[in-house]
Amino acid sequence: MGAFGDYLNNNGLLAAVPPAQPIVPATVHPQPFSVTEDNIEGPYYRAGAPTRFAITQPYEPGVAMVISGRVWGFDTKKPIANAVLHIWQADEKGHYDNDDDQHPPAIDEFINRGIIFTDAQGRYEYQTIHPGAYQIGPKAWRPSHIHYMVLAPGYQTLTTQLYFDGDPHNASDRFIKQSLIIKLLKPKRHSKTFETGVFDIVLKP
């Protein structure tokens, strides 16, 4: 992973963008250094998603987003190379590809899902769009979030979710944990506004 990432803008065009944060030495770990909290898996996980950097499809409606970070070992305080991250999320309107039993996805169709790996310095990065919130009860909403399942040899599998600061549904969500909320930057490039954020993950041995 170099000094620049890529993102798919709203016209489906690939454009180089700066990373969410400057590249830092592998020995600089997040502060405070603590195991990342888990979170519910939810009902929409699907096994078998493809390995790909762009989680969303080309021309996917929504605000383009680039999320990056590192995966760390709590015991060694060192980054973990080749960790596996399963990523899945809702679309801009809050729908998953498998949330309608009447219209299930094709067995080889994975929308807004993917698997990525960390590099030699434990870094990961992926392109997506800002997922939509969705209603789960008469007065209950799930805020915008992205699901993670992280696996690495010698460490416990972590299932968690990533949330975003400022979402109006954060305060009322019964599943959210404050440590899983990140701030987003909103730079502009080629007249398009997109979002970037950093989510470091610390695994328990």
N, C-alpha and C. Protein backbone atom coordinates (compact mmCIF):
# COMPACT_ATOMS: atom_id res chain seq x y z
N MET A 1 0.85 -1.18 0.00
CA MET A 1 0.00 0.00 0.00
C MET A 1 0.88 1.23 0.00
N GLY A 2 0.73 2.11 -0.96
CA GLY A 2 1.62 3.23 -1.09
C GLY A 2 1.08 4.47 -0.44
N ALA A 3 1.62 5.61 -0.86
CA ALA A 3 1.22 6.88 -0.27
C ALA A 3 -0.13 7.35 -0.78
N PHE A 4 -0.65 6.69 -1.79
CA PHE A 4 -1.95 7.09 -2.33
C PHE A 4 -2.85 5.87 -2.46
N GLY A 5 -4.14 6.08 -2.17
CA GLY A 5 -5.14 5.05 -2.42
C GLY A 5 -5.95 5.44 -3.63
N ASP A 6 -6.98 4.69 -3.93
CA ASP A 6 -7.88 4.98 -5.02
C ASP A 6 -9.29 4.95 -4.49
N TYR A 7 -10.20 5.59 -5.17
CA TYR A 7 -11.60 5.47 -4.80
C TYR A 7 -12.45 5.58 -6.06
N LEU A 8 -13.62 5.00 -6.00
CA LEU A 8 -14.56 5.10 -7.11
C LEU A 8 -15.49 6.27 -6.84
N ASN A 9 -15.44 7.28 -7.69
CA ASN A 9 -16.31 8.43 -7.45
C ASN A 9 -17.72 8.10 -7.92
N ASN A 10 -18.63 9.05 -7.77
CA ASN A 10 -20.04 8.78 -8.07
C ASN A 10 -20.31 8.56 -9.55
N ASN A 11 -19.31 8.83 -10.38
CA ASN A 11 -19.45 8.53 -11.79
C ASN A 11 -18.79 7.21 -12.15
N GLY A 12 -18.31 6.48 -11.14
CA GLY A 12 -17.68 5.20 -11.40
C GLY A 12 -16.26 5.31 -11.92
N LEU A 13 -15.65 6.50 -11.82
CA LEU A 13 -14.30 6.71 -12.34
C LEU A 13 -13.30 6.52 -11.22
N LEU A 14 -12.21 5.85 -11.52
CA LEU A 14 -11.17 5.61 -10.53
C LEU A 14 -10.26 6.82 -10.46
N ALA A 15 -10.07 7.35 -9.26
CA ALA A 15 -9.26 8.55 -9.10
C ALA A 15 -8.37 8.39 -7.88
N ALA A 16 -7.12 8.85 -7.99
CA ALA A 16 -6.20 8.75 -6.86
C ALA A 16 -6.56 9.78 -5.80
N VAL A 17 -6.51 9.36 -4.55
CA VAL A 17 -6.80 10.26 -3.44
C VAL A 17 -5.77 10.04 -2.36
N PRO A 18 -5.54 11.05 -1.51
CA PRO A 18 -4.60 10.87 -0.40
C PRO A 18 -5.14 9.85 0.58
N PRO A 19 -4.27 9.19 1.35
CA PRO A 19 -4.75 8.26 2.37
C PRO A 19 -5.45 8.99 3.48
N ALA A 20 -6.18 8.24 4.31
CA ALA A 20 -6.93 8.86 5.40
C ALA A 20 -6.01 9.47 6.44
N GLN A 21 -4.80 8.97 6.57
CA GLN A 21 -3.82 9.55 7.48
C GLN A 21 -2.44 9.32 6.90
N PRO A 22 -1.44 10.14 7.30
CA PRO A 22 -0.09 9.91 6.79
C PRO A 22 0.42 8.53 7.17
N ILE A 23 1.23 7.94 6.29
CA ILE A 23 1.84 6.66 6.61
C ILE A 23 2.81 6.86 7.77
N VAL A 24 2.69 6.02 8.80
CA VAL A 24 3.53 6.16 9.99
C VAL A 24 4.34 4.89 10.17
N PRO A 25 5.45 4.96 10.92
CA PRO A 25 6.26 3.75 11.14
C PRO A 25 5.45 2.64 11.80
N ALA A 26 5.84 1.40 11.55
CA ALA A 26 5.09 0.25 12.04
C ALA A 26 5.10 0.16 13.55
N THR A 27 6.04 0.84 14.21
CA THR A 27 6.14 0.75 15.67
C THR A 27 5.22 1.73 16.38
N VAL A 28 4.58 2.63 15.65
CA VAL A 28 3.68 3.61 16.26
C VAL A 28 2.29 3.02 16.32
N HIS A 29 1.83 2.67 17.54
CA HIS A 29 0.54 2.02 17.66
C HIS A 29 -0.51 2.99 18.23
N PRO A 30 -1.79 2.66 18.09
CA PRO A 30 -2.85 3.57 18.51
C PRO A 30 -2.82 3.79 20.02
N GLN A 31 -3.27 4.97 20.42
CA GLN A 31 -3.38 5.31 21.84
C GLN A 31 -4.82 5.69 22.16
N PRO A 32 -5.40 5.17 23.24
CA PRO A 32 -4.82 4.14 24.11
C PRO A 32 -4.79 2.80 23.40
N PHE A 33 -3.84 1.95 23.81
CA PHE A 33 -3.69 0.65 23.16
C PHE A 33 -4.50 -0.39 23.93
N SER A 34 -5.64 -0.77 23.39
CA SER A 34 -6.53 -1.72 24.06
C SER A 34 -7.19 -2.60 23.01
N VAL A 35 -7.64 -3.78 23.44
CA VAL A 35 -8.30 -4.71 22.53
C VAL A 35 -9.57 -4.07 21.96
N THR A 36 -9.76 -4.18 20.67
CA THR A 36 -10.95 -3.64 20.02
C THR A 36 -12.20 -4.37 20.53
N GLU A 37 -13.21 -3.61 20.89
CA GLU A 37 -14.43 -4.21 21.41
C GLU A 37 -15.18 -4.96 20.30
N ASP A 38 -15.82 -6.05 20.71
CA ASP A 38 -16.63 -6.78 19.74
C ASP A 38 -18.00 -6.12 19.61
N ASN A 39 -18.78 -6.62 18.67
CA ASN A 39 -20.11 -6.11 18.42
C ASN A 39 -20.91 -7.22 17.73
N ILE A 40 -22.22 -7.07 17.68
CA ILE A 40 -23.06 -8.13 17.14
C ILE A 40 -22.72 -8.40 15.66
N GLU A 41 -22.85 -9.66 15.27
CA GLU A 41 -22.66 -10.01 13.87
C GLU A 41 -23.83 -9.57 13.02
N GLY A 42 -25.04 -9.65 13.58
CA GLY A 42 -26.22 -9.33 12.80
C GLY A 42 -26.63 -10.49 11.91
N PRO A 43 -27.77 -10.38 11.25
CA PRO A 43 -28.31 -11.51 10.48
C PRO A 43 -27.87 -11.58 9.03
N TYR A 44 -27.00 -10.67 8.57
CA TYR A 44 -26.78 -10.55 7.13
C TYR A 44 -25.40 -10.98 6.65
N TYR A 45 -24.61 -11.62 7.49
CA TYR A 45 -23.31 -12.11 7.04
C TYR A 45 -23.50 -13.21 5.99
N ARG A 46 -22.61 -13.23 4.99
CA ARG A 46 -22.58 -14.31 3.99
C ARG A 46 -21.14 -14.75 3.79
N ALA A 47 -20.92 -16.04 3.83
CA ALA A 47 -19.59 -16.58 3.55
C ALA A 47 -19.34 -16.58 2.04
N GLY A 48 -18.07 -16.58 1.67
CA GLY A 48 -17.71 -16.74 0.26
C GLY A 48 -17.55 -15.47 -0.54
N ALA A 49 -17.54 -14.32 0.11
CA ALA A 49 -17.37 -13.07 -0.63
C ALA A 49 -16.01 -13.04 -1.32
N PRO A 50 -15.89 -12.33 -2.43
CA PRO A 50 -14.62 -12.29 -3.15
C PRO A 50 -13.59 -11.39 -2.47
N THR A 51 -12.34 -11.63 -2.79
CA THR A 51 -11.26 -10.75 -2.35
C THR A 51 -11.20 -9.57 -3.30
N ARG A 52 -11.35 -8.36 -2.76
CA ARG A 52 -11.31 -7.18 -3.61
C ARG A 52 -11.12 -5.92 -2.78
N PHE A 53 -10.48 -4.94 -3.38
CA PHE A 53 -10.21 -3.67 -2.70
C PHE A 53 -11.45 -2.79 -2.68
N ALA A 54 -12.25 -2.81 -3.75
CA ALA A 54 -13.48 -2.04 -3.83
C ALA A 54 -14.64 -2.90 -3.34
N ILE A 55 -15.17 -2.59 -2.17
CA ILE A 55 -16.24 -3.39 -1.59
C ILE A 55 -17.53 -3.21 -2.37
N THR A 56 -17.75 -2.01 -2.89
CA THR A 56 -18.97 -1.72 -3.65
C THR A 56 -18.75 -1.96 -5.14
N GLN A 57 -19.86 -2.06 -5.85
CA GLN A 57 -19.82 -2.23 -7.30
C GLN A 57 -19.55 -0.89 -7.98
N PRO A 58 -18.99 -0.89 -9.20
CA PRO A 58 -18.89 0.36 -9.95
C PRO A 58 -20.26 1.01 -10.12
N TYR A 59 -20.28 2.32 -10.04
CA TYR A 59 -21.50 3.12 -10.18
C TYR A 59 -22.49 2.93 -9.01
N GLU A 60 -22.03 2.36 -7.91
CA GLU A 60 -22.89 2.22 -6.73
C GLU A 60 -23.29 3.60 -6.24
N PRO A 61 -24.60 3.88 -6.08
CA PRO A 61 -25.02 5.20 -5.59
C PRO A 61 -24.52 5.44 -4.17
N GLY A 62 -24.21 6.68 -3.87
CA GLY A 62 -23.80 7.02 -2.52
C GLY A 62 -22.53 7.84 -2.49
N VAL A 63 -22.20 8.33 -1.31
CA VAL A 63 -20.99 9.11 -1.10
C VAL A 63 -19.80 8.16 -0.99
N ALA A 64 -18.81 8.35 -1.85
CA ALA A 64 -17.63 7.49 -1.84
C ALA A 64 -16.89 7.63 -0.52
N MET A 65 -16.33 6.51 -0.04
CA MET A 65 -15.65 6.47 1.24
C MET A 65 -14.42 5.58 1.13
N VAL A 66 -13.32 6.00 1.75
CA VAL A 66 -12.11 5.17 1.85
C VAL A 66 -11.81 4.98 3.32
N ILE A 67 -11.80 3.74 3.78
CA ILE A 67 -11.48 3.40 5.16
C ILE A 67 -10.14 2.68 5.18
N SER A 68 -9.29 3.09 6.10
CA SER A 68 -7.97 2.46 6.23
C SER A 68 -7.64 2.27 7.70
N GLY A 69 -6.57 1.53 7.96
CA GLY A 69 -6.16 1.31 9.34
C GLY A 69 -5.11 0.23 9.40
N ARG A 70 -4.87 -0.23 10.62
CA ARG A 70 -3.92 -1.32 10.85
C ARG A 70 -4.54 -2.34 11.78
N VAL A 71 -4.08 -3.56 11.66
CA VAL A 71 -4.45 -4.62 12.59
C VAL A 71 -3.23 -4.93 13.45
N TRP A 72 -3.44 -4.92 14.77
CA TRP A 72 -2.36 -5.09 15.74
C TRP A 72 -2.61 -6.30 16.63
N GLY A 73 -1.52 -6.85 17.17
CA GLY A 73 -1.61 -7.86 18.21
C GLY A 73 -1.48 -7.21 19.57
N PHE A 74 -2.42 -7.48 20.47
CA PHE A 74 -2.38 -6.85 21.79
C PHE A 74 -1.16 -7.32 22.59
N ASP A 75 -0.79 -8.58 22.41
CA ASP A 75 0.32 -9.13 23.19
C ASP A 75 1.68 -8.61 22.72
N THR A 76 1.86 -8.49 21.41
CA THR A 76 3.16 -8.07 20.88
C THR A 76 3.27 -6.57 20.67
N LYS A 77 2.11 -5.90 20.59
CA LYS A 77 2.06 -4.49 20.22
C LYS A 77 2.73 -4.23 18.87
N LYS A 78 2.61 -5.22 17.99
CA LYS A 78 3.15 -5.10 16.65
C LYS A 78 2.03 -5.34 15.63
N PRO A 79 2.17 -4.75 14.44
CA PRO A 79 1.15 -4.97 13.41
C PRO A 79 1.16 -6.42 12.93
N ILE A 80 0.00 -6.89 12.48
CA ILE A 80 -0.15 -8.27 12.03
C ILE A 80 -0.27 -8.29 10.51
N ALA A 81 0.67 -8.95 9.87
CA ALA A 81 0.63 -9.10 8.41
C ALA A 81 -0.33 -10.21 8.03
N ASN A 82 -0.96 -10.07 6.87
CA ASN A 82 -1.83 -11.09 6.29
C ASN A 82 -3.03 -11.45 7.16
N ALA A 83 -3.47 -10.53 8.00
CA ALA A 83 -4.75 -10.73 8.68
C ALA A 83 -5.87 -10.66 7.64
N VAL A 84 -6.94 -11.40 7.88
CA VAL A 84 -8.06 -11.47 6.94
C VAL A 84 -9.22 -10.65 7.50
N LEU A 85 -9.76 -9.74 6.70
CA LEU A 85 -10.88 -8.92 7.12
C LEU A 85 -12.07 -9.18 6.19
N HIS A 86 -13.14 -9.69 6.75
CA HIS A 86 -14.40 -9.81 6.03
C HIS A 86 -15.19 -8.53 6.28
N ILE A 87 -15.59 -7.86 5.20
CA ILE A 87 -16.30 -6.58 5.28
C ILE A 87 -17.65 -6.73 4.63
N TRP A 88 -18.72 -6.26 5.30
CA TRP A 88 -20.03 -6.22 4.65
C TRP A 88 -20.85 -5.07 5.22
N GLN A 89 -21.79 -4.57 4.43
CA GLN A 89 -22.54 -3.38 4.81
C GLN A 89 -23.81 -3.25 3.98
N ALA A 90 -24.65 -2.32 4.42
CA ALA A 90 -25.85 -1.96 3.67
C ALA A 90 -25.51 -0.97 2.56
N ASP A 91 -26.44 -0.82 1.63
CA ASP A 91 -26.26 0.18 0.58
C ASP A 91 -26.69 1.56 1.08
N GLU A 92 -26.74 2.53 0.18
CA GLU A 92 -27.06 3.90 0.56
C GLU A 92 -28.43 4.02 1.22
N LYS A 93 -29.37 3.13 0.86
CA LYS A 93 -30.72 3.17 1.40
C LYS A 93 -30.91 2.27 2.61
N GLY A 94 -29.83 1.63 3.08
CA GLY A 94 -29.93 0.80 4.26
C GLY A 94 -30.32 -0.64 3.99
N HIS A 95 -30.15 -1.11 2.75
CA HIS A 95 -30.52 -2.48 2.39
C HIS A 95 -29.27 -3.34 2.16
N TYR A 96 -29.32 -4.58 2.68
CA TYR A 96 -28.28 -5.57 2.39
C TYR A 96 -28.73 -6.40 1.19
N ASP A 97 -27.76 -7.04 0.54
CA ASP A 97 -28.12 -7.83 -0.64
C ASP A 97 -28.94 -9.07 -0.30
N ASN A 98 -28.98 -9.46 0.98
CA ASN A 98 -29.72 -10.67 1.37
C ASN A 98 -30.78 -10.41 2.43
N ASP A 99 -31.30 -9.18 2.46
CA ASP A 99 -32.32 -8.87 3.49
C ASP A 99 -33.75 -9.04 2.99
N ASP A 100 -33.92 -9.54 1.76
CA ASP A 100 -35.25 -9.77 1.21
C ASP A 100 -35.38 -11.24 0.83
N ASP A 101 -36.09 -12.00 1.66
CA ASP A 101 -36.23 -13.44 1.42
C ASP A 101 -36.94 -13.75 0.11
N GLN A 102 -37.75 -12.82 -0.38
CA GLN A 102 -38.47 -13.03 -1.62
C GLN A 102 -37.57 -12.84 -2.85
N HIS A 103 -36.46 -12.14 -2.66
CA HIS A 103 -35.55 -11.89 -3.78
C HIS A 103 -34.11 -12.12 -3.32
N PRO A 104 -33.74 -13.37 -3.03
CA PRO A 104 -32.39 -13.65 -2.56
C PRO A 104 -31.35 -13.40 -3.66
N PRO A 105 -30.13 -13.06 -3.27
CA PRO A 105 -29.09 -12.83 -4.28
C PRO A 105 -28.65 -14.13 -4.93
N ALA A 106 -28.08 -14.02 -6.11
CA ALA A 106 -27.50 -15.19 -6.76
C ALA A 106 -26.33 -15.69 -5.92
N ILE A 107 -26.05 -16.98 -6.02
CA ILE A 107 -25.04 -17.59 -5.18
C ILE A 107 -23.67 -16.95 -5.37
N ASP A 108 -23.40 -16.41 -6.56
CA ASP A 108 -22.10 -15.80 -6.84
C ASP A 108 -22.17 -14.28 -6.88
N GLU A 109 -23.27 -13.71 -6.39
CA GLU A 109 -23.45 -12.26 -6.39
C GLU A 109 -23.25 -11.73 -4.98
N PHE A 110 -22.25 -10.89 -4.81
CA PHE A 110 -21.95 -10.31 -3.50
C PHE A 110 -21.90 -8.79 -3.64
N ILE A 111 -22.93 -8.13 -3.15
CA ILE A 111 -23.04 -6.68 -3.27
C ILE A 111 -22.69 -6.05 -1.94
N ASN A 112 -21.77 -5.10 -1.97
CA ASN A 112 -21.31 -4.39 -0.77
C ASN A 112 -20.69 -5.35 0.24
N ARG A 113 -19.89 -6.28 -0.29
CA ARG A 113 -19.19 -7.27 0.53
C ARG A 113 -17.83 -7.56 -0.10
N GLY A 114 -16.89 -7.92 0.74
CA GLY A 114 -15.60 -8.31 0.22
C GLY A 114 -14.67 -8.76 1.32
N ILE A 115 -13.57 -9.37 0.92
CA ILE A 115 -12.53 -9.81 1.83
C ILE A 115 -11.24 -9.10 1.44
N ILE A 116 -10.53 -8.56 2.44
CA ILE A 116 -9.26 -7.90 2.20
C ILE A 116 -8.23 -8.45 3.18
N PHE A 117 -6.95 -8.19 2.88
CA PHE A 117 -5.85 -8.67 3.71
C PHE A 117 -4.96 -7.50 4.10
N THR A 118 -4.32 -7.61 5.26
CA THR A 118 -3.35 -6.60 5.64
C THR A 118 -2.03 -6.85 4.92
N ASP A 119 -1.27 -5.78 4.74
CA ASP A 119 0.03 -5.92 4.08
C ASP A 119 1.10 -6.27 5.12
N ALA A 120 2.36 -6.19 4.74
CA ALA A 120 3.46 -6.59 5.62
C ALA A 120 3.55 -5.72 6.86
N GLN A 121 3.00 -4.51 6.81
CA GLN A 121 3.01 -3.60 7.96
C GLN A 121 1.66 -3.59 8.69
N GLY A 122 0.81 -4.56 8.39
CA GLY A 122 -0.48 -4.64 9.07
C GLY A 122 -1.52 -3.67 8.58
N ARG A 123 -1.25 -2.98 7.48
CA ARG A 123 -2.18 -1.97 6.98
C ARG A 123 -3.25 -2.59 6.09
N TYR A 124 -4.41 -1.97 6.11
CA TYR A 124 -5.48 -2.34 5.18
C TYR A 124 -6.14 -1.07 4.68
N GLU A 125 -6.84 -1.18 3.57
CA GLU A 125 -7.57 -0.04 3.01
C GLU A 125 -8.60 -0.58 2.03
N TYR A 126 -9.77 0.02 2.01
CA TYR A 126 -10.79 -0.39 1.03
C TYR A 126 -11.66 0.80 0.65
N GLN A 127 -12.25 0.67 -0.53
CA GLN A 127 -13.20 1.66 -1.05
C GLN A 127 -14.61 1.16 -0.79
N THR A 128 -15.51 2.08 -0.51
CA THR A 128 -16.91 1.72 -0.36
C THR A 128 -17.75 2.99 -0.52
N ILE A 129 -19.00 2.91 -0.11
CA ILE A 129 -19.84 4.12 -0.03
C ILE A 129 -20.38 4.20 1.39
N HIS A 130 -20.79 5.39 1.78
CA HIS A 130 -21.34 5.57 3.13
C HIS A 130 -22.65 4.80 3.24
N PRO A 131 -22.71 3.79 4.13
CA PRO A 131 -23.93 2.97 4.21
C PRO A 131 -25.08 3.74 4.85
N GLY A 132 -26.28 3.38 4.47
CA GLY A 132 -27.46 4.03 5.01
C GLY A 132 -27.91 3.43 6.33
N ALA A 133 -28.59 4.23 7.15
CA ALA A 133 -29.24 3.72 8.35
C ALA A 133 -30.51 2.97 7.95
N TYR A 134 -31.02 2.15 8.88
CA TYR A 134 -32.27 1.44 8.56
C TYR A 134 -33.06 1.17 9.84
N GLN A 135 -34.36 1.05 9.65
CA GLN A 135 -35.28 0.90 10.77
C GLN A 135 -35.42 -0.57 11.16
N ILE A 136 -35.39 -0.85 12.48
CA ILE A 136 -35.52 -2.23 12.98
C ILE A 136 -36.71 -2.38 13.93
N GLY A 137 -37.49 -1.34 14.09
CA GLY A 137 -38.67 -1.38 14.95
C GLY A 137 -39.48 -0.12 14.76
N PRO A 138 -40.63 -0.02 15.44
CA PRO A 138 -41.49 1.15 15.26
C PRO A 138 -40.77 2.47 15.50
N LYS A 139 -39.86 2.47 16.47
CA LYS A 139 -39.14 3.71 16.78
C LYS A 139 -37.63 3.48 16.88
N ALA A 140 -37.17 2.36 16.37
CA ALA A 140 -35.76 2.00 16.51
C ALA A 140 -35.06 1.97 15.15
N TRP A 141 -33.89 2.60 15.10
CA TRP A 141 -33.09 2.63 13.89
C TRP A 141 -31.67 2.17 14.19
N ARG A 142 -31.07 1.49 13.25
CA ARG A 142 -29.64 1.23 13.32
C ARG A 142 -28.91 2.34 12.60
N PRO A 143 -27.91 2.94 13.24
CA PRO A 143 -27.14 3.99 12.56
C PRO A 143 -26.29 3.40 11.45
N SER A 144 -25.75 4.25 10.64
CA SER A 144 -24.83 3.84 9.60
C SER A 144 -23.66 3.06 10.22
N HIS A 145 -23.33 1.91 9.65
CA HIS A 145 -22.25 1.10 10.20
C HIS A 145 -21.71 0.14 9.14
N ILE A 146 -20.52 -0.37 9.39
CA ILE A 146 -19.88 -1.37 8.53
C ILE A 146 -19.47 -2.54 9.41
N HIS A 147 -19.77 -3.75 8.95
CA HIS A 147 -19.45 -4.96 9.70
C HIS A 147 -18.03 -5.44 9.39
N TYR A 148 -17.36 -5.94 10.43
CA TYR A 148 -16.03 -6.52 10.31
C TYR A 148 -16.01 -7.89 10.97
N MET A 149 -15.31 -8.83 10.33
CA MET A 149 -14.89 -10.07 10.97
C MET A 149 -13.41 -10.22 10.65
N VAL A 150 -12.58 -10.23 11.69
CA VAL A 150 -11.13 -10.18 11.51
C VAL A 150 -10.49 -11.45 12.06
N LEU A 151 -9.66 -12.10 11.24
CA LEU A 151 -9.03 -13.36 11.61
C LEU A 151 -7.53 -13.28 11.40
N ALA A 152 -6.77 -13.84 12.35
CA ALA A 152 -5.32 -13.92 12.22
C ALA A 152 -4.83 -15.10 13.07
N PRO A 153 -3.87 -15.88 12.57
CA PRO A 153 -3.37 -17.01 13.34
C PRO A 153 -2.85 -16.58 14.71
N GLY A 154 -3.22 -17.32 15.76
CA GLY A 154 -2.76 -17.01 17.10
C GLY A 154 -3.62 -16.00 17.84
N TYR A 155 -4.69 -15.52 17.19
CA TYR A 155 -5.55 -14.50 17.80
C TYR A 155 -7.02 -14.91 17.72
N GLN A 156 -7.80 -14.42 18.67
CA GLN A 156 -9.23 -14.70 18.66
C GLN A 156 -9.89 -13.95 17.51
N THR A 157 -10.82 -14.63 16.86
CA THR A 157 -11.58 -13.98 15.79
C THR A 157 -12.42 -12.84 16.39
N LEU A 158 -12.34 -11.69 15.76
CA LEU A 158 -13.09 -10.51 16.22
C LEU A 158 -14.23 -10.22 15.26
N THR A 159 -15.44 -10.17 15.77
CA THR A 159 -16.60 -9.71 15.01
C THR A 159 -17.04 -8.40 15.62
N THR A 160 -17.08 -7.35 14.82
CA THR A 160 -17.39 -6.03 15.36
C THR A 160 -18.03 -5.17 14.28
N GLN A 161 -18.27 -3.91 14.62
CA GLN A 161 -18.85 -2.96 13.66
C GLN A 161 -18.15 -1.62 13.79
N LEU A 162 -18.11 -0.90 12.70
CA LEU A 162 -17.54 0.44 12.64
C LEU A 162 -18.68 1.44 12.51
N TYR A 163 -18.66 2.48 13.36
CA TYR A 163 -19.69 3.53 13.35
C TYR A 163 -19.05 4.88 13.07
N PHE A 164 -19.90 5.89 12.81
CA PHE A 164 -19.40 7.19 12.38
C PHE A 164 -19.94 8.31 13.26
N ASP A 165 -19.03 9.15 13.67
CA ASP A 165 -19.38 10.29 14.52
C ASP A 165 -20.39 11.19 13.82
N GLY A 166 -21.37 11.66 14.57
CA GLY A 166 -22.36 12.58 14.03
C GLY A 166 -23.60 11.95 13.47
N ASP A 167 -23.66 10.62 13.40
CA ASP A 167 -24.88 9.97 12.90
C ASP A 167 -26.02 10.23 13.89
N PRO A 168 -27.17 10.70 13.44
CA PRO A 168 -28.26 11.05 14.35
C PRO A 168 -28.85 9.86 15.12
N HIS A 169 -28.58 8.64 14.66
CA HIS A 169 -29.13 7.46 15.32
C HIS A 169 -28.16 6.82 16.33
N ASN A 170 -26.97 7.37 16.44
CA ASN A 170 -26.00 6.80 17.38
C ASN A 170 -26.52 6.81 18.81
N ALA A 171 -27.13 7.90 19.20
CA ALA A 171 -27.52 8.08 20.61
C ALA A 171 -28.58 7.08 21.06
N SER A 172 -29.41 6.60 20.15
CA SER A 172 -30.51 5.72 20.54
C SER A 172 -30.25 4.25 20.21
N ASP A 173 -29.15 3.94 19.56
CA ASP A 173 -28.89 2.55 19.17
C ASP A 173 -28.45 1.74 20.38
N ARG A 174 -29.06 0.58 20.59
CA ARG A 174 -28.76 -0.23 21.77
C ARG A 174 -27.54 -1.12 21.59
N PHE A 175 -26.99 -1.18 20.38
CA PHE A 175 -25.85 -2.06 20.13
C PHE A 175 -24.52 -1.31 20.05
N ILE A 176 -24.56 -0.03 19.84
CA ILE A 176 -23.34 0.74 19.57
C ILE A 176 -22.43 0.79 20.80
N LYS A 177 -21.12 0.87 20.53
CA LYS A 177 -20.13 1.07 21.58
C LYS A 177 -19.27 2.27 21.19
N GLN A 178 -19.03 3.14 22.14
CA GLN A 178 -18.37 4.41 21.84
C GLN A 178 -16.98 4.23 21.24
N SER A 179 -16.28 3.17 21.64
CA SER A 179 -14.92 2.97 21.14
C SER A 179 -14.88 2.62 19.66
N LEU A 180 -16.03 2.26 19.09
CA LEU A 180 -16.10 1.84 17.69
C LEU A 180 -16.52 2.98 16.76
N ILE A 181 -16.67 4.18 17.29
CA ILE A 181 -17.07 5.35 16.50
C ILE A 181 -15.83 6.11 16.05
N ILE A 182 -15.75 6.40 14.76
CA ILE A 182 -14.63 7.19 14.25
C ILE A 182 -15.14 8.49 13.62
N LYS A 183 -14.26 9.45 13.52
CA LYS A 183 -14.56 10.69 12.82
C LYS A 183 -14.20 10.54 11.35
N LEU A 184 -14.96 11.16 10.49
CA LEU A 184 -14.71 11.14 9.06
C LEU A 184 -14.24 12.51 8.59
N LEU A 185 -13.27 12.50 7.69
CA LEU A 185 -12.89 13.70 6.98
C LEU A 185 -13.65 13.73 5.66
N LYS A 186 -13.87 14.93 5.12
CA LYS A 186 -14.64 15.06 3.89
C LYS A 186 -13.89 15.94 2.90
N PRO A 187 -12.80 15.42 2.35
CA PRO A 187 -12.07 16.19 1.34
C PRO A 187 -12.81 16.20 0.00
N LYS A 188 -12.30 17.00 -0.91
CA LYS A 188 -12.90 17.09 -2.24
C LYS A 188 -11.79 16.92 -3.27
N ARG A 189 -12.09 16.19 -4.33
CA ARG A 189 -11.12 15.99 -5.40
C ARG A 189 -11.87 15.86 -6.71
N HIS A 190 -11.41 16.58 -7.72
CA HIS A 190 -12.05 16.58 -9.03
C HIS A 190 -13.53 16.94 -8.88
N SER A 191 -13.83 17.93 -8.04
CA SER A 191 -15.17 18.47 -7.78
C SER A 191 -16.09 17.48 -7.07
N LYS A 192 -15.56 16.33 -6.64
CA LYS A 192 -16.36 15.33 -5.94
C LYS A 192 -15.96 15.29 -4.47
N THR A 193 -16.94 15.32 -3.58
CA THR A 193 -16.68 15.16 -2.16
C THR A 193 -16.73 13.68 -1.80
N PHE A 194 -15.77 13.24 -1.04
CA PHE A 194 -15.78 11.86 -0.57
C PHE A 194 -15.40 11.87 0.91
N GLU A 195 -15.36 10.71 1.53
CA GLU A 195 -15.07 10.62 2.96
C GLU A 195 -13.90 9.69 3.20
N THR A 196 -13.10 10.01 4.21
CA THR A 196 -12.01 9.12 4.61
C THR A 196 -12.05 8.95 6.13
N GLY A 197 -11.65 7.78 6.59
CA GLY A 197 -11.62 7.51 8.02
C GLY A 197 -10.60 6.44 8.34
N VAL A 198 -10.17 6.41 9.60
CA VAL A 198 -9.16 5.46 10.06
C VAL A 198 -9.74 4.62 11.19
N PHE A 199 -9.62 3.30 11.07
CA PHE A 199 -10.11 2.38 12.08
C PHE A 199 -9.05 1.33 12.34
N ASP A 200 -8.27 1.52 13.42
CA ASP A 200 -7.28 0.53 13.83
C ASP A 200 -7.94 -0.56 14.64
N ILE A 201 -7.45 -1.77 14.51
CA ILE A 201 -8.01 -2.94 15.17
C ILE A 201 -6.93 -3.63 15.97
N VAL A 202 -7.22 -3.94 17.23
CA VAL A 202 -6.27 -4.64 18.10
C VAL A 202 -6.89 -5.97 18.49
N LEU A 203 -6.21 -7.06 18.15
CA LEU A 203 -6.75 -8.40 18.38
C LEU A 203 -6.22 -8.99 19.69
N LYS A 204 -7.07 -9.78 20.32
CA LYS A 204 -6.74 -10.47 21.57
C LYS A 204 -6.17 -11.84 21.26
N PRO A 205 -5.02 -12.22 21.89
CA PRO A 205 -4.44 -13.53 21.61
C PRO A 205 -5.28 -14.66 22.20
